[in-house]
Amino acid sequence: MIEEDVRTLVQKHAKGRGLRFLGEPRVNVPALNPELEVFMPREENHNLLWERFSGTSLGS
């Protein structure tokens, strides 16, 4: 799975601001996760995200 695929899925499940101009845009994570798991098993997905955002490896 490439980064562009992830971005497309995230945009598909993105919601706007709650009160038009207040709040932050958000992503419906429970709806997004099953689609991500089609491309990548849960453990591999978790490890990849951990490495990306923490800067360290889980040693898989």
PDB file of N, CA and C in Angstrom:
ATOM      1  N   MET A   1       0.852  -1.170   0.000  1.00  0.00           N
ATOM      2  CA  MET A   1       0.000   0.000   0.000  1.00  0.00           C
ATOM      3  C   MET A   1       0.895   1.230   0.000  1.00  0.00           C
ATOM      4  N   ILE A   2       0.612   2.135  -0.888  1.00  0.00           N
ATOM      5  CA  ILE A   2       1.428   3.341  -0.964  1.00  0.00           C
ATOM      6  C   ILE A   2       0.731   4.495  -0.242  1.00  0.00           C
ATOM      7  N   GLU A   3       1.499   5.507   0.046  1.00  0.00           N
ATOM      8  CA  GLU A   3       0.994   6.641   0.818  1.00  0.00           C
ATOM      9  C   GLU A   3      -0.213   7.299   0.145  1.00  0.00           C
ATOM     10  N   GLU A   4      -0.202   7.370  -1.170  1.00  0.00           N
ATOM     11  CA  GLU A   4      -1.325   7.982  -1.887  1.00  0.00           C
ATOM     12  C   GLU A   4      -2.620   7.205  -1.668  1.00  0.00           C
ATOM     13  N   ASP A   5      -2.533   5.871  -1.587  1.00  0.00           N
ATOM     14  CA  ASP A   5      -3.719   5.059  -1.295  1.00  0.00           C
ATOM     15  C   ASP A   5      -4.281   5.395   0.083  1.00  0.00           C
ATOM     16  N   VAL A   6      -3.392   5.544   1.055  1.00  0.00           N
ATOM     17  CA  VAL A   6      -3.819   5.882   2.416  1.00  0.00           C
ATOM     18  C   VAL A   6      -4.474   7.256   2.426  1.00  0.00           C
ATOM     19  N   ARG A   7      -3.858   8.218   1.778  1.00  0.00           N
ATOM     20  CA  ARG A   7      -4.425   9.567   1.727  1.00  0.00           C
ATOM     21  C   ARG A   7      -5.828   9.560   1.104  1.00  0.00           C
ATOM     22  N   THR A   8      -6.006   8.790   0.041  1.00  0.00           N
ATOM     23  CA  THR A   8      -7.307   8.701  -0.620  1.00  0.00           C
ATOM     24  C   THR A   8      -8.355   8.128   0.324  1.00  0.00           C
ATOM     25  N   LEU A   9      -8.007   7.058   1.036  1.00  0.00           N
ATOM     26  CA  LEU A   9      -8.954   6.468   1.981  1.00  0.00           C
ATOM     27  C   LEU A   9      -9.274   7.420   3.129  1.00  0.00           C
ATOM     28  N   VAL A  10      -8.276   8.117   3.637  1.00  0.00           N
ATOM     29  CA  VAL A  10      -8.506   9.069   4.726  1.00  0.00           C
ATOM     30  C   VAL A  10      -9.432  10.185   4.246  1.00  0.00           C
ATOM     31  N   GLN A  11      -9.205  10.705   3.054  1.00  0.00           N
ATOM     32  CA  GLN A  11     -10.063  11.761   2.523  1.00  0.00           C
ATOM     33  C   GLN A  11     -11.496  11.257   2.331  1.00  0.00           C
ATOM     34  N   LYS A  12     -11.636  10.002   1.941  1.00  0.00           N
ATOM     35  CA  LYS A  12     -12.965   9.413   1.754  1.00  0.00           C
ATOM     36  C   LYS A  12     -13.757   9.420   3.066  1.00  0.00           C
ATOM     37  N   HIS A  13     -13.075   9.237   4.191  1.00  0.00           N
ATOM     38  CA  HIS A  13     -13.729   9.152   5.498  1.00  0.00           C
ATOM     39  C   HIS A  13     -13.591  10.439   6.315  1.00  0.00           C
ATOM     40  N   ALA A  14     -13.139  11.518   5.677  1.00  0.00           N
ATOM     41  CA  ALA A  14     -12.971  12.792   6.377  1.00  0.00           C
ATOM     42  C   ALA A  14     -14.306  13.499   6.538  1.00  0.00           C
ATOM     43  N   LYS A  15     -14.445  14.159   7.643  1.00  0.00           N
ATOM     44  CA  LYS A  15     -15.622  14.981   7.942  1.00  0.00           C
ATOM     45  C   LYS A  15     -15.151  16.412   8.142  1.00  0.00           C
ATOM     46  N   GLY A  16     -16.022  17.345   7.875  1.00  0.00           N
ATOM     47  CA  GLY A  16     -15.677  18.754   8.043  1.00  0.00           C
ATOM     48  C   GLY A  16     -15.696  19.168   9.507  1.00  0.00           C
ATOM     49  N   ARG A  17     -15.581  20.429   9.731  1.00  0.00           N
ATOM     50  CA  ARG A  17     -15.629  20.985  11.085  1.00  0.00           C
ATOM     51  C   ARG A  17     -17.028  20.808  11.652  1.00  0.00           C
ATOM     52  N   GLY A  18     -17.105  20.570  12.944  1.00  0.00           N
ATOM     53  CA  GLY A  18     -18.378  20.291  13.586  1.00  0.00           C
ATOM     54  C   GLY A  18     -19.379  21.431  13.530  1.00  0.00           C
ATOM     55  N   LEU A  19     -18.913  22.651  13.696  1.00  0.00           N
ATOM     56  CA  LEU A  19     -19.804  23.816  13.724  1.00  0.00           C
ATOM     57  C   LEU A  19     -19.437  24.805  12.621  1.00  0.00           C
ATOM     58  N   ARG A  20     -19.226  24.309  11.448  1.00  0.00           N
ATOM     59  CA  ARG A  20     -18.851  25.061  10.249  1.00  0.00           C
ATOM     60  C   ARG A  20     -17.474  25.700  10.334  1.00  0.00           C
ATOM     61  N   PHE A  21     -17.245  26.570  11.291  1.00  0.00           N
ATOM     62  CA  PHE A  21     -15.938  27.226  11.383  1.00  0.00           C
ATOM     63  C   PHE A  21     -15.228  26.921  12.697  1.00  0.00           C
ATOM     64  N   LEU A  22     -15.914  26.255  13.621  1.00  0.00           N
ATOM     65  CA  LEU A  22     -15.301  25.880  14.894  1.00  0.00           C
ATOM     66  C   LEU A  22     -14.925  24.406  14.881  1.00  0.00           C
ATOM     67  N   GLY A  23     -13.918  24.069  15.650  1.00  0.00           N
ATOM     68  CA  GLY A  23     -13.488  22.679  15.734  1.00  0.00           C
ATOM     69  C   GLY A  23     -12.484  22.340  14.650  1.00  0.00           C
ATOM     70  N   GLU A  24     -12.096  21.084  14.642  1.00  0.00           N
ATOM     71  CA  GLU A  24     -11.101  20.614  13.690  1.00  0.00           C
ATOM     72  C   GLU A  24     -11.730  19.600  12.749  1.00  0.00           C
ATOM     73  N   PRO A  25     -11.249  19.547  11.509  1.00  0.00           N
ATOM     74  CA  PRO A  25     -11.695  18.465  10.621  1.00  0.00           C
ATOM     75  C   PRO A  25     -11.350  17.122  11.273  1.00  0.00           C
ATOM     76  N   ARG A  26     -12.130  16.099  11.008  1.00  0.00           N
ATOM     77  CA  ARG A  26     -11.918  14.808  11.667  1.00  0.00           C
ATOM     78  C   ARG A  26     -12.087  13.672  10.679  1.00  0.00           C
ATOM     79  N   VAL A  27     -11.633  12.496  11.082  1.00  0.00           N
ATOM     80  CA  VAL A  27     -11.728  11.289  10.265  1.00  0.00           C
ATOM     81  C   VAL A  27     -12.528  10.255  11.035  1.00  0.00           C
ATOM     82  N   ASN A  28     -13.437   9.573  10.350  1.00  0.00           N
ATOM     83  CA  ASN A  28     -14.219   8.497  10.944  1.00  0.00           C
ATOM     84  C   ASN A  28     -13.343   7.242  10.972  1.00  0.00           C
ATOM     85  N   VAL A  29     -12.576   7.099  12.038  1.00  0.00           N
ATOM     86  CA  VAL A  29     -11.594   6.010  12.145  1.00  0.00           C
ATOM     87  C   VAL A  29     -12.244   4.622  12.150  1.00  0.00           C
ATOM     88  N   PRO A  30     -13.357   4.407  12.876  1.00  0.00           N
ATOM     89  CA  PRO A  30     -13.975   3.068  12.828  1.00  0.00           C
ATOM     90  C   PRO A  30     -14.402   2.645  11.414  1.00  0.00           C
ATOM     91  N   ALA A  31     -14.766   3.583  10.575  1.00  0.00           N
ATOM     92  CA  ALA A  31     -15.113   3.250   9.191  1.00  0.00           C
ATOM     93  C   ALA A  31     -13.862   3.076   8.322  1.00  0.00           C
ATOM     94  N   LEU A  32     -12.798   3.782   8.656  1.00  0.00           N
ATOM     95  CA  LEU A  32     -11.557   3.720   7.884  1.00  0.00           C
ATOM     96  C   LEU A  32     -10.785   2.422   8.133  1.00  0.00           C
ATOM     97  N   ASN A  33     -10.726   1.967   9.369  1.00  0.00           N
ATOM     98  CA  ASN A  33      -9.897   0.809   9.720  1.00  0.00           C
ATOM     99  C   ASN A  33     -10.187  -0.440   8.901  1.00  0.00           C
ATOM    100  N   PRO A  34     -11.450  -0.846   8.705  1.00  0.00           N
ATOM    101  CA  PRO A  34     -11.682  -2.056   7.900  1.00  0.00           C
ATOM    102  C   PRO A  34     -11.152  -1.941   6.473  1.00  0.00           C
ATOM    103  N   GLU A  35     -11.229  -0.762   5.903  1.00  0.00           N
ATOM    104  CA  GLU A  35     -10.700  -0.586   4.548  1.00  0.00           C
ATOM    105  C   GLU A  35      -9.178  -0.661   4.523  1.00  0.00           C
ATOM    106  N   LEU A  36      -8.526  -0.151   5.569  1.00  0.00           N
ATOM    107  CA  LEU A  36      -7.068  -0.265   5.643  1.00  0.00           C
ATOM    108  C   LEU A  36      -6.648  -1.722   5.808  1.00  0.00           C
ATOM    109  N   GLU A  37      -7.404  -2.482   6.584  1.00  0.00           N
ATOM    110  CA  GLU A  37      -7.051  -3.878   6.839  1.00  0.00           C
ATOM    111  C   GLU A  37      -7.175  -4.749   5.600  1.00  0.00           C
ATOM    112  N   VAL A  38      -7.946  -4.322   4.611  1.00  0.00           N
ATOM    113  CA  VAL A  38      -8.023  -5.066   3.352  1.00  0.00           C
ATOM    114  C   VAL A  38      -6.645  -5.088   2.689  1.00  0.00           C
ATOM    115  N   PHE A  39      -5.933  -3.979   2.794  1.00  0.00           N
ATOM    116  CA  PHE A  39      -4.614  -3.860   2.169  1.00  0.00           C
ATOM    117  C   PHE A  39      -3.486  -4.357   3.052  1.00  0.00           C
ATOM    118  N   MET A  40      -3.688  -4.293   4.382  1.00  0.00           N
ATOM    119  CA  MET A  40      -2.600  -4.579   5.293  1.00  0.00           C
ATOM    120  C   MET A  40      -3.158  -5.198   6.575  1.00  0.00           C
ATOM    121  N   PRO A  41      -2.670  -6.365   6.979  1.00  0.00           N
ATOM    122  CA  PRO A  41      -3.135  -6.962   8.234  1.00  0.00           C
ATOM    123  C   PRO A  41      -2.905  -6.020   9.416  1.00  0.00           C
ATOM    124  N   ARG A  42      -3.708  -6.176  10.443  1.00  0.00           N
ATOM    125  CA  ARG A  42      -3.695  -5.257  11.597  1.00  0.00           C
ATOM    126  C   ARG A  42      -2.301  -5.104  12.210  1.00  0.00           C
ATOM    127  N   GLU A  43      -1.596  -6.200  12.466  1.00  0.00           N
ATOM    128  CA  GLU A  43      -0.283  -6.091  13.120  1.00  0.00           C
ATOM    129  C   GLU A  43       0.706  -5.331  12.239  1.00  0.00           C
ATOM    130  N   GLU A  44       0.722  -5.637  10.947  1.00  0.00           N
ATOM    131  CA  GLU A  44       1.628  -4.951  10.038  1.00  0.00           C
ATOM    132  C   GLU A  44       1.263  -3.464   9.954  1.00  0.00           C
ATOM    133  N   ASN A  45      -0.021  -3.169   9.921  1.00  0.00           N
ATOM    134  CA  ASN A  45      -0.508  -1.792   9.882  1.00  0.00           C
ATOM    135  C   ASN A  45      -0.048  -1.043  11.128  1.00  0.00           C
ATOM    136  N   HIS A  46      -0.226  -1.653  12.291  1.00  0.00           N
ATOM    137  CA  HIS A  46       0.176  -1.020  13.551  1.00  0.00           C
ATOM    138  C   HIS A  46       1.675  -0.735  13.562  1.00  0.00           C
ATOM    139  N   ASN A  47       2.468  -1.715  13.154  1.00  0.00           N
ATOM    140  CA  ASN A  47       3.922  -1.541  13.157  1.00  0.00           C
ATOM    141  C   ASN A  47       4.356  -0.421  12.217  1.00  0.00           C
ATOM    142  N   LEU A  48       3.753  -0.379  11.031  1.00  0.00           N
ATOM    143  CA  LEU A  48       4.106   0.648  10.057  1.00  0.00           C
ATOM    144  C   LEU A  48       3.768   2.040  10.589  1.00  0.00           C
ATOM    145  N   LEU A  49       2.580   2.190  11.154  1.00  0.00           N
ATOM    146  CA  LEU A  49       2.189   3.491  11.691  1.00  0.00           C
ATOM    147  C   LEU A  49       3.069   3.885  12.875  1.00  0.00           C
ATOM    148  N   TRP A  50       3.398   2.912  13.730  1.00  0.00           N
ATOM    149  CA  TRP A  50       4.263   3.201  14.873  1.00  0.00           C
ATOM    150  C   TRP A  50       5.617   3.730  14.394  1.00  0.00           C
ATOM    151  N   GLU A  51       6.201   3.049  13.411  1.00  0.00           N
ATOM    152  CA  GLU A  51       7.501   3.459  12.901  1.00  0.00           C
ATOM    153  C   GLU A  51       7.428   4.838  12.257  1.00  0.00           C
ATOM    154  N   ARG A  52       6.345   5.089  11.551  1.00  0.00           N
ATOM    155  CA  ARG A  52       6.204   6.366  10.856  1.00  0.00           C
ATOM    156  C   ARG A  52       6.125   7.539  11.832  1.00  0.00           C
ATOM    157  N   PHE A  53       5.336   7.385  12.889  1.00  0.00           N
ATOM    158  CA  PHE A  53       5.082   8.506  13.779  1.00  0.00           C
ATOM    159  C   PHE A  53       6.011   8.568  14.991  1.00  0.00           C
ATOM    160  N   SER A  54       6.623   7.467  15.366  1.00  0.00           N
ATOM    161  CA  SER A  54       7.517   7.503  16.520  1.00  0.00           C
ATOM    162  C   SER A  54       8.984   7.635  16.120  1.00  0.00           C
ATOM    163  N   GLY A  55       9.282   7.251  14.884  1.00  0.00           N
ATOM    164  CA  GLY A  55      10.660   7.310  14.419  1.00  0.00           C
ATOM    165  C   GLY A  55      11.500   6.120  14.877  1.00  0.00           C
ATOM    166  N   THR A  56      10.857   5.115  15.511  1.00  0.00           N
ATOM    167  CA  THR A  56      11.569   3.919  15.945  1.00  0.00           C
ATOM    168  C   THR A  56      10.876   2.685  15.392  1.00  0.00           C
ATOM    169  N   SER A  57      11.595   1.581  15.362  1.00  0.00           N
ATOM    170  CA  SER A  57      11.074   0.330  14.827  1.00  0.00           C
ATOM    171  C   SER A  57      10.638  -0.586  15.959  1.00  0.00           C
ATOM    172  N   LEU A  58       9.617  -1.410  15.685  1.00  0.00           N
ATOM    173  CA  LEU A  58       9.175  -2.409  16.661  1.00  0.00           C
ATOM    174  C   LEU A  58       9.923  -3.732  16.460  1.00  0.00           C
ATOM    175  N   GLY A  59      10.819  -3.775  15.482  1.00  0.00           N
ATOM    176  CA  GLY A  59      11.666  -4.945  15.271  1.00  0.00           C
ATOM    177  C   GLY A  59      10.954  -6.142  14.690  1.00  0.00           C
ATOM    178  N   SER A  60      10.064  -5.922  13.713  1.00  0.00           N
ATOM    179  CA  SER A  60       9.341  -7.056  13.116  1.00  0.00           C
ATOM    180  C   SER A  60      10.128  -7.756  12.082  1.00  0.00           C
TER     181      SER A  60
END
